[in-house]
Protein backbone atom coordinates (compact mmCIF):
# COMPACT_ATOMS: atom_id res chain seq x y z
CA MET A 1 13.62 -20.74 0.61
CA LYS A 2 13.32 -20.07 -3.11
CA LYS A 3 9.73 -21.32 -3.16
CA ALA A 4 8.78 -18.96 -0.34
CA LYS A 5 10.27 -16.01 -2.22
CA PHE A 6 8.48 -17.06 -5.40
CA TRP A 7 5.09 -17.33 -3.64
CA PHE A 8 5.69 -13.97 -1.93
CA ARG A 9 6.28 -12.23 -5.26
CA ALA A 10 3.45 -14.10 -6.96
CA SER A 11 1.04 -13.06 -4.22
CA LEU A 12 2.05 -9.41 -4.62
CA ILE A 13 1.62 -9.54 -8.38
CA VAL A 14 -1.74 -11.33 -8.29
CA SER A 15 -3.16 -9.05 -5.62
CA SER A 16 -2.07 -5.88 -7.40
CA MET A 17 -3.47 -7.12 -10.71
CA LEU A 18 -6.82 -7.94 -9.09
CA VAL A 19 -7.02 -4.44 -7.61
CA VAL A 20 -6.15 -2.85 -10.97
CA PHE A 21 -8.64 -5.07 -12.78
CA GLY A 22 -11.31 -4.11 -10.24
CA ALA A 23 -10.61 -0.42 -10.78
CA TYR A 24 -10.80 -1.03 -14.54
CA PHE A 25 -14.25 -2.58 -14.13
CA ILE A 26 -15.46 0.37 -12.09
CA LEU A 27 -14.03 3.08 -14.33
CA ILE A 28 -14.61 1.63 -17.79
CA TYR A 29 -17.71 -0.55 -17.46
CA GLY A 30 -19.33 1.19 -14.50
CA SER A 31 -19.91 -2.15 -12.82
CA LEU A 32 -19.41 -1.25 -9.18
CA MET A 33 -20.22 -4.67 -7.76
CA ASP A 34 -17.80 -6.57 -10.02
CA GLY A 35 -15.09 -4.02 -9.36
CA LEU A 36 -15.50 -4.19 -5.61
CA VAL A 37 -15.43 -7.99 -5.70
CA HIS A 38 -12.13 -7.96 -7.58
CA ILE A 39 -10.64 -5.33 -5.29
CA GLY A 40 -11.76 -7.29 -2.24
CA LEU A 41 -10.23 -10.48 -3.60
CA GLY A 42 -7.00 -8.63 -4.29
CA LEU A 43 -6.86 -7.40 -0.73
CA ILE A 44 -7.65 -10.83 0.69
CA VAL A 45 -5.04 -12.59 -1.44
CA GLY A 46 -2.18 -10.22 -0.76
CA ILE A 47 -2.74 -8.47 2.56
CA ASP A 48 -0.20 -10.63 4.38
CA SER A 49 2.44 -10.12 1.70
CA TRP A 50 1.91 -6.36 1.57
CA VAL A 51 2.23 -6.10 5.35
CA LYS A 52 5.46 -8.11 5.28
CA LEU A 53 6.81 -5.98 2.44
CA PHE A 54 6.23 -2.69 4.25
CA LYS A 55 7.50 -4.02 7.59
CA LYS A 56 10.82 -4.91 5.95
CA LYS A 57 11.28 -1.34 4.71
């Protein structure tokens, strides 16, 4: 059970960091393609965890 909770939190952290990093690429460097790739990866990695998080609340 502890491993599942760890992977749940890790998935949330990694996905949010990828989205933030993608926004950073778009805003600072103006690289739209790189930013969208990072944002897309963040959504793919963490969509299941985010849905579970908001269903609990």
